[in-house]
Structure formats: C-alpha cells, structure tokens
Amino acid sequence: MMLIILIGLAVGAAYVCRDTPLFIPAVIVAICSFWSNGVMSNFRRTHEVPRLATAVSLICFVLTLIFGVTGLIIS
C-alpha cells in the first residue's frame, strides 16, 4: 500500500507542476518512482530488495516533496 501512495504522490506533484518549468523533471521523477517501487514490490516476500531501487525510491520521495511544494508556490 505504501508503494502505491509513493507513486501517487509523484504523479500528484507532476500534476501540480503542469504549467511550470518543473513539469518535465517532475514527470521524470514520477517515472523513476514508478520503476523503483515496482522493483521493490517484486521483492516483497524475499527481503532482499536491490539497493539501487531503494535509493531511487528515497530520492524520488524527497524530490516529489520539493517539486510539489515548489509547484504550489509558483502556480
């Protein structure tokens, strides 16, 4: 469930930034979030999640918060 929330936040941040110059980076972050959380969900039962997917997911979450707040301030 948490993975779906993280993907939804990234897509929501891209939507908030739709009329700003941050739209393209926000879409890239949303795509990376979708990829990394998809990889993490495939390893849900084994507890051996790849470190790259975990790092990308964490970075995407931080960038999602930054883009979302900045998009709300700009628009």
PDB file of N, CA and C in Angstrom:
ATOM      1  N   MET A   1       0.816  -1.193   0.000  1.00  0.00           N
ATOM      2  CA  MET A   1       0.000   0.000   0.000  1.00  0.00           C
ATOM      3  C   MET A   1       0.862   1.260   0.000  1.00  0.00           C
ATOM      4  N   MET A   2       1.955   1.216   0.740  1.00  0.00           N
ATOM      5  CA  MET A   2       2.834   2.381   0.809  1.00  0.00           C
ATOM      6  C   MET A   2       3.449   2.697  -0.550  1.00  0.00           C
ATOM      7  N   LEU A   3       3.736   1.661  -1.332  1.00  0.00           N
ATOM      8  CA  LEU A   3       4.324   1.888  -2.646  1.00  0.00           C
ATOM      9  C   LEU A   3       3.345   2.615  -3.558  1.00  0.00           C
ATOM     10  N   ILE A   4       2.082   2.294  -3.456  1.00  0.00           N
ATOM     11  CA  ILE A   4       1.068   2.969  -4.267  1.00  0.00           C
ATOM     12  C   ILE A   4       0.952   4.433  -3.843  1.00  0.00           C
ATOM     13  N   ILE A   5       1.053   4.702  -2.571  1.00  0.00           N
ATOM     14  CA  ILE A   5       0.998   6.080  -2.085  1.00  0.00           C
ATOM     15  C   ILE A   5       2.191   6.878  -2.597  1.00  0.00           C
ATOM     16  N   LEU A   6       3.386   6.282  -2.596  1.00  0.00           N
ATOM     17  CA  LEU A   6       4.566   6.983  -3.089  1.00  0.00           C
ATOM     18  C   LEU A   6       4.448   7.298  -4.582  1.00  0.00           C
ATOM     19  N   ILE A   7       3.940   6.355  -5.362  1.00  0.00           N
ATOM     20  CA  ILE A   7       3.735   6.607  -6.792  1.00  0.00           C
ATOM     21  C   ILE A   7       2.675   7.684  -6.989  1.00  0.00           C
ATOM     22  N   GLY A   8       1.614   7.628  -6.220  1.00  0.00           N
ATOM     23  CA  GLY A   8       0.561   8.644  -6.315  1.00  0.00           C
ATOM     24  C   GLY A   8       1.044  10.034  -5.964  1.00  0.00           C
ATOM     25  N   LEU A   9       1.909  10.130  -4.960  1.00  0.00           N
ATOM     26  CA  LEU A   9       2.478  11.428  -4.611  1.00  0.00           C
ATOM     27  C   LEU A   9       3.318  11.992  -5.751  1.00  0.00           C
ATOM     28  N   ALA A  10       4.100  11.137  -6.401  1.00  0.00           N
ATOM     29  CA  ALA A  10       4.942  11.598  -7.514  1.00  0.00           C
ATOM     30  C   ALA A  10       4.084  12.053  -8.688  1.00  0.00           C
ATOM     31  N   VAL A  11       3.031  11.323  -8.994  1.00  0.00           N
ATOM     32  CA  VAL A  11       2.134  11.721 -10.076  1.00  0.00           C
ATOM     33  C   VAL A  11       1.399  13.011  -9.699  1.00  0.00           C
ATOM     34  N   GLY A  12       1.001  13.137  -8.448  1.00  0.00           N
ATOM     35  CA  GLY A  12       0.350  14.367  -7.987  1.00  0.00           C
ATOM     36  C   GLY A  12       1.267  15.574  -8.078  1.00  0.00           C
ATOM     37  N   ALA A  13       2.541  15.401  -7.757  1.00  0.00           N
ATOM     38  CA  ALA A  13       3.493  16.503  -7.874  1.00  0.00           C
ATOM     39  C   ALA A  13       3.676  16.906  -9.331  1.00  0.00           C
ATOM     40  N   ALA A  14       3.695  15.927 -10.237  1.00  0.00           N
ATOM     41  CA  ALA A  14       3.794  16.245 -11.662  1.00  0.00           C
ATOM     42  C   ALA A  14       2.552  17.009 -12.122  1.00  0.00           C
ATOM     43  N   TYR A  15       1.389  16.646 -11.607  1.00  0.00           N
ATOM     44  CA  TYR A  15       0.161  17.353 -11.961  1.00  0.00           C
ATOM     45  C   TYR A  15       0.171  18.789 -11.436  1.00  0.00           C
ATOM     46  N   VAL A  16       0.674  18.981 -10.236  1.00  0.00           N
ATOM     47  CA  VAL A  16       0.741  20.331  -9.662  1.00  0.00           C
ATOM     48  C   VAL A  16       1.690  21.212 -10.475  1.00  0.00           C
ATOM     49  N   CYS A  17       2.738  20.618 -11.018  1.00  0.00           N
ATOM     50  CA  CYS A  17       3.747  21.373 -11.778  1.00  0.00           C
ATOM     51  C   CYS A  17       3.414  21.467 -13.260  1.00  0.00           C
ATOM     52  N   ARG A  18       2.200  21.167 -13.676  1.00  0.00           N
ATOM     53  CA  ARG A  18       1.871  21.053 -15.096  1.00  0.00           C
ATOM     54  C   ARG A  18       2.058  22.341 -15.884  1.00  0.00           C
ATOM     55  N   ASP A  19       1.922  23.504 -15.290  1.00  0.00           N
ATOM     56  CA  ASP A  19       2.064  24.774 -16.007  1.00  0.00           C
ATOM     57  C   ASP A  19       3.343  25.503 -15.636  1.00  0.00           C
ATOM     58  N   THR A  20       4.300  24.806 -15.086  1.00  0.00           N
ATOM     59  CA  THR A  20       5.550  25.427 -14.654  1.00  0.00           C
ATOM     60  C   THR A  20       6.724  24.782 -15.386  1.00  0.00           C
ATOM     61  N   PRO A  21       7.888  25.404 -15.311  1.00  0.00           N
ATOM     62  CA  PRO A  21       9.076  24.787 -15.924  1.00  0.00           C
ATOM     63  C   PRO A  21       9.523  23.502 -15.220  1.00  0.00           C
ATOM     64  N   LEU A  22       8.954  23.188 -14.074  1.00  0.00           N
ATOM     65  CA  LEU A  22       9.317  21.980 -13.338  1.00  0.00           C
ATOM     66  C   LEU A  22       8.560  20.742 -13.808  1.00  0.00           C
ATOM     67  N   PHE A  23       7.724  20.891 -14.846  1.00  0.00           N
ATOM     68  CA  PHE A  23       6.880  19.772 -15.267  1.00  0.00           C
ATOM     69  C   PHE A  23       7.710  18.585 -15.766  1.00  0.00           C
ATOM     70  N   ILE A  24       8.671  18.829 -16.643  1.00  0.00           N
ATOM     71  CA  ILE A  24       9.471  17.736 -17.200  1.00  0.00           C
ATOM     72  C   ILE A  24      10.262  17.013 -16.106  1.00  0.00           C
ATOM     73  N   PRO A  25      10.988  17.731 -15.216  1.00  0.00           N
ATOM     74  CA  PRO A  25      11.665  16.998 -14.133  1.00  0.00           C
ATOM     75  C   PRO A  25      10.696  16.250 -13.217  1.00  0.00           C
ATOM     76  N   ALA A  26       9.516  16.807 -12.983  1.00  0.00           N
ATOM     77  CA  ALA A  26       8.538  16.131 -12.130  1.00  0.00           C
ATOM     78  C   ALA A  26       8.020  14.860 -12.791  1.00  0.00           C
ATOM     79  N   VAL A  27       7.854  14.877 -14.106  1.00  0.00           N
ATOM     80  CA  VAL A  27       7.429  13.669 -14.823  1.00  0.00           C
ATOM     81  C   VAL A  27       8.532  12.615 -14.767  1.00  0.00           C
ATOM     82  N   ILE A  28       9.789  13.037 -14.918  1.00  0.00           N
ATOM     83  CA  ILE A  28      10.910  12.100 -14.821  1.00  0.00           C
ATOM     84  C   ILE A  28      10.961  11.466 -13.435  1.00  0.00           C
ATOM     85  N   VAL A  29      10.735  12.256 -12.401  1.00  0.00           N
ATOM     86  CA  VAL A  29      10.711  11.722 -11.031  1.00  0.00           C
ATOM     87  C   VAL A  29       9.556  10.747 -10.859  1.00  0.00           C
ATOM     88  N   ALA A  30       8.401  11.054 -11.457  1.00  0.00           N
ATOM     89  CA  ALA A  30       7.256  10.139 -11.354  1.00  0.00           C
ATOM     90  C   ALA A  30       7.553   8.807 -12.046  1.00  0.00           C
ATOM     91  N   ILE A  31       8.214   8.853 -13.200  1.00  0.00           N
ATOM     92  CA  ILE A  31       8.567   7.620 -13.906  1.00  0.00           C
ATOM     93  C   ILE A  31       9.577   6.808 -13.094  1.00  0.00           C
ATOM     94  N   CYS A  32      10.569   7.481 -12.533  1.00  0.00           N
ATOM     95  CA  CYS A  32      11.568   6.786 -11.706  1.00  0.00           C
ATOM     96  C   CYS A  32      10.935   6.195 -10.458  1.00  0.00           C
ATOM     97  N   SER A  33       9.985   6.911  -9.879  1.00  0.00           N
ATOM     98  CA  SER A  33       9.278   6.398  -8.706  1.00  0.00           C
ATOM     99  C   SER A  33       8.473   5.153  -9.060  1.00  0.00           C
ATOM    100  N   PHE A  34       7.808   5.194 -10.205  1.00  0.00           N
ATOM    101  CA  PHE A  34       7.038   4.031 -10.654  1.00  0.00           C
ATOM    102  C   PHE A  34       7.965   2.832 -10.858  1.00  0.00           C
ATOM    103  N   TRP A  35       9.127   3.049 -11.487  1.00  0.00           N
ATOM    104  CA  TRP A  35      10.075   1.951 -11.723  1.00  0.00           C
ATOM    105  C   TRP A  35      10.599   1.383 -10.397  1.00  0.00           C
ATOM    106  N   SER A  36      11.110   2.272  -9.535  1.00  0.00           N
ATOM    107  CA  SER A  36      11.754   1.789  -8.312  1.00  0.00           C
ATOM    108  C   SER A  36      10.766   1.096  -7.384  1.00  0.00           C
ATOM    109  N   ASN A  37       9.572   1.637  -7.266  1.00  0.00           N
ATOM    110  CA  ASN A  37       8.587   0.997  -6.395  1.00  0.00           C
ATOM    111  C   ASN A  37       8.052  -0.288  -7.004  1.00  0.00           C
ATOM    112  N   GLY A  38       8.035  -0.381  -8.335  1.00  0.00           N
ATOM    113  CA  GLY A  38       7.672  -1.635  -8.989  1.00  0.00           C
ATOM    114  C   GLY A  38       8.703  -2.720  -8.721  1.00  0.00           C
ATOM    115  N   VAL A  39       9.975  -2.341  -8.788  1.00  0.00           N
ATOM    116  CA  VAL A  39      11.044  -3.303  -8.482  1.00  0.00           C
ATOM    117  C   VAL A  39      10.954  -3.737  -7.022  1.00  0.00           C
ATOM    118  N   MET A  40      10.718  -2.787  -6.132  1.00  0.00           N
ATOM    119  CA  MET A  40      10.630  -3.126  -4.711  1.00  0.00           C
ATOM    120  C   MET A  40       9.439  -4.044  -4.426  1.00  0.00           C
ATOM    121  N   SER A  41       8.337  -3.862  -5.142  1.00  0.00           N
ATOM    122  CA  SER A  41       7.176  -4.721  -4.899  1.00  0.00           C
ATOM    123  C   SER A  41       7.425  -6.144  -5.394  1.00  0.00           C
ATOM    124  N   ASN A  42       8.297  -6.309  -6.386  1.00  0.00           N
ATOM    125  CA  ASN A  42       8.621  -7.664  -6.856  1.00  0.00           C
ATOM    126  C   ASN A  42       9.428  -8.443  -5.823  1.00  0.00           C
ATOM    127  N   PHE A  43      10.135  -7.753  -4.946  1.00  0.00           N
ATOM    128  CA  PHE A  43      10.957  -8.397  -3.932  1.00  0.00           C
ATOM    129  C   PHE A  43      10.304  -8.338  -2.551  1.00  0.00           C
ATOM    130  N   ARG A  44       9.006  -8.184  -2.504  1.00  0.00           N
ATOM    131  CA  ARG A  44       8.296  -8.003  -1.243  1.00  0.00           C
ATOM    132  C   ARG A  44       8.453  -9.197  -0.302  1.00  0.00           C
ATOM    133  N   ARG A  45       8.463 -10.391  -0.832  1.00  0.00           N
ATOM    134  CA  ARG A  45       8.481 -11.587   0.022  1.00  0.00           C
ATOM    135  C   ARG A  45       9.886 -12.085   0.360  1.00  0.00           C
ATOM    136  N   THR A  46      10.907 -11.602  -0.339  1.00  0.00           N
ATOM    137  CA  THR A  46      12.246 -12.157  -0.138  1.00  0.00           C
ATOM    138  C   THR A  46      13.111 -11.330   0.801  1.00  0.00           C
ATOM    139  N   HIS A  47      12.765 -10.098   1.085  1.00  0.00           N
ATOM    140  CA  HIS A  47      13.514  -9.204   1.965  1.00  0.00           C
ATOM    141  C   HIS A  47      14.919  -8.914   1.442  1.00  0.00           C
ATOM    142  N   GLU A  48      15.158  -9.134   0.161  1.00  0.00           N
ATOM    143  CA  GLU A  48      16.440  -8.809  -0.454  1.00  0.00           C
ATOM    144  C   GLU A  48      16.223  -7.793  -1.568  1.00  0.00           C
ATOM    145  N   VAL A  49      15.721  -6.637  -1.215  1.00  0.00           N
ATOM    146  CA  VAL A  49      15.418  -5.600  -2.186  1.00  0.00           C
ATOM    147  C   VAL A  49      16.723  -4.996  -2.699  1.00  0.00           C
ATOM    148  N   PRO A  50      16.844  -4.793  -4.024  1.00  0.00           N
ATOM    149  CA  PRO A  50      18.057  -4.171  -4.555  1.00  0.00           C
ATOM    150  C   PRO A  50      18.262  -2.771  -3.981  1.00  0.00           C
ATOM    151  N   ARG A  51      19.490  -2.461  -3.654  1.00  0.00           N
ATOM    152  CA  ARG A  51      19.797  -1.178  -3.033  1.00  0.00           C
ATOM    153  C   ARG A  51      19.553  -0.007  -3.972  1.00  0.00           C
ATOM    154  N   LEU A  52      19.777  -0.207  -5.270  1.00  0.00           N
ATOM    155  CA  LEU A  52      19.552   0.872  -6.229  1.00  0.00           C
ATOM    156  C   LEU A  52      18.086   1.282  -6.246  1.00  0.00           C
ATOM    157  N   ALA A  53      17.186   0.316  -6.244  1.00  0.00           N
ATOM    158  CA  ALA A  53      15.756   0.623  -6.246  1.00  0.00           C
ATOM    159  C   ALA A  53      15.351   1.344  -4.966  1.00  0.00           C
ATOM    160  N   THR A  54      15.915   0.945  -3.850  1.00  0.00           N
ATOM    161  CA  THR A  54      15.606   1.607  -2.583  1.00  0.00           C
ATOM    162  C   THR A  54      16.123   3.038  -2.572  1.00  0.00           C
ATOM    163  N   ALA A  55      17.325   3.239  -3.077  1.00  0.00           N
ATOM    164  CA  ALA A  55      17.900   4.589  -3.112  1.00  0.00           C
ATOM    165  C   ALA A  55      17.114   5.490  -4.059  1.00  0.00           C
ATOM    166  N   VAL A  56      16.744   4.965  -5.225  1.00  0.00           N
ATOM    167  CA  VAL A  56      15.970   5.764  -6.180  1.00  0.00           C
ATOM    168  C   VAL A  56      14.609   6.115  -5.593  1.00  0.00           C
ATOM    169  N   SER A  57      13.989   5.176  -4.890  1.00  0.00           N
ATOM    170  CA  SER A  57      12.695   5.448  -4.269  1.00  0.00           C
ATOM    171  C   SER A  57      12.798   6.557  -3.224  1.00  0.00           C
ATOM    172  N   LEU A  58      13.843   6.513  -2.416  1.00  0.00           N
ATOM    173  CA  LEU A  58      14.024   7.543  -1.390  1.00  0.00           C
ATOM    174  C   LEU A  58      14.295   8.904  -2.020  1.00  0.00           C
ATOM    175  N   ILE A  59      15.152   8.939  -3.032  1.00  0.00           N
ATOM    176  CA  ILE A  59      15.456  10.205  -3.713  1.00  0.00           C
ATOM    177  C   ILE A  59      14.211  10.748  -4.406  1.00  0.00           C
ATOM    178  N   CYS A  60      13.427   9.864  -5.014  1.00  0.00           N
ATOM    179  CA  CYS A  60      12.197  10.299  -5.675  1.00  0.00           C
ATOM    180  C   CYS A  60      11.199  10.867  -4.678  1.00  0.00           C
ATOM    181  N   PHE A  61      11.130  10.286  -3.493  1.00  0.00           N
ATOM    182  CA  PHE A  61      10.213  10.805  -2.473  1.00  0.00           C
ATOM    183  C   PHE A  61      10.604  12.221  -2.058  1.00  0.00           C
ATOM    184  N   VAL A  62      11.892  12.445  -1.839  1.00  0.00           N
ATOM    185  CA  VAL A  62      12.362  13.782  -1.448  1.00  0.00           C
ATOM    186  C   VAL A  62      12.114  14.780  -2.578  1.00  0.00           C
ATOM    187  N   LEU A  63      12.438  14.392  -3.825  1.00  0.00           N
ATOM    188  CA  LEU A  63      12.217  15.287  -4.956  1.00  0.00           C
ATOM    189  C   LEU A  63      10.731  15.540  -5.193  1.00  0.00           C
ATOM    190  N   THR A  64       9.897  14.546  -4.925  1.00  0.00           N
ATOM    191  CA  THR A  64       8.454  14.732  -5.057  1.00  0.00           C
ATOM    192  C   THR A  64       7.957  15.802  -4.096  1.00  0.00           C
ATOM    193  N   LEU A  65       8.429  15.750  -2.860  1.00  0.00           N
ATOM    194  CA  LEU A  65       8.025  16.780  -1.895  1.00  0.00           C
ATOM    195  C   LEU A  65       8.500  18.158  -2.337  1.00  0.00           C
ATOM    196  N   ILE A  66       9.738  18.242  -2.817  1.00  0.00           N
ATOM    197  CA  ILE A  66      10.284  19.531  -3.259  1.00  0.00           C
ATOM    198  C   ILE A  66       9.503  20.066  -4.453  1.00  0.00           C
ATOM    199  N   PHE A  67       9.279  19.215  -5.470  1.00  0.00           N
ATOM    200  CA  PHE A  67       8.546  19.666  -6.655  1.00  0.00           C
ATOM    201  C   PHE A  67       7.101  20.007  -6.330  1.00  0.00           C
ATOM    202  N   GLY A  68       6.475  19.242  -5.461  1.00  0.00           N
ATOM    203  CA  GLY A  68       5.091  19.520  -5.106  1.00  0.00           C
ATOM    204  C   GLY A  68       4.921  20.848  -4.404  1.00  0.00           C
ATOM    205  N   VAL A  69       5.774  21.120  -3.426  1.00  0.00           N
ATOM    206  CA  VAL A  69       5.678  22.391  -2.692  1.00  0.00           C
ATOM    207  C   VAL A  69       6.063  23.554  -3.604  1.00  0.00           C
ATOM    208  N   THR A  70       7.128  23.392  -4.379  1.00  0.00           N
ATOM    209  CA  THR A  70       7.555  24.464  -5.279  1.00  0.00           C
ATOM    210  C   THR A  70       6.495  24.723  -6.353  1.00  0.00           C
ATOM    211  N   GLY A  71       5.886  23.676  -6.874  1.00  0.00           N
ATOM    212  CA  GLY A  71       4.824  23.852  -7.860  1.00  0.00           C
ATOM    213  C   GLY A  71       3.614  24.577  -7.299  1.00  0.00           C
ATOM    214  N   LEU A  72       3.294  24.291  -6.043  1.00  0.00           N
ATOM    215  CA  LEU A  72       2.180  25.007  -5.414  1.00  0.00           C
ATOM    216  C   LEU A  72       2.530  26.480  -5.180  1.00  0.00           C
ATOM    217  N   ILE A  73       3.775  26.757  -4.840  1.00  0.00           N
ATOM    218  CA  ILE A  73       4.186  28.145  -4.611  1.00  0.00           C
ATOM    219  C   ILE A  73       4.210  28.927  -5.928  1.00  0.00           C
ATOM    220  N   ILE A  74       4.734  28.320  -6.988  1.00  0.00           N
ATOM    221  CA  ILE A  74       4.846  29.014  -8.273  1.00  0.00           C
ATOM    222  C   ILE A  74       3.487  29.266  -8.893  1.00  0.00           C
ATOM    223  N   SER A  75       2.606  28.271  -8.853  1.00  0.00           N
ATOM    224  CA  SER A  75       1.310  28.430  -9.539  1.00  0.00           C
ATOM    225  C   SER A  75       0.260  29.008  -8.666  1.00  0.00           C
TER     226      SER A  75
END
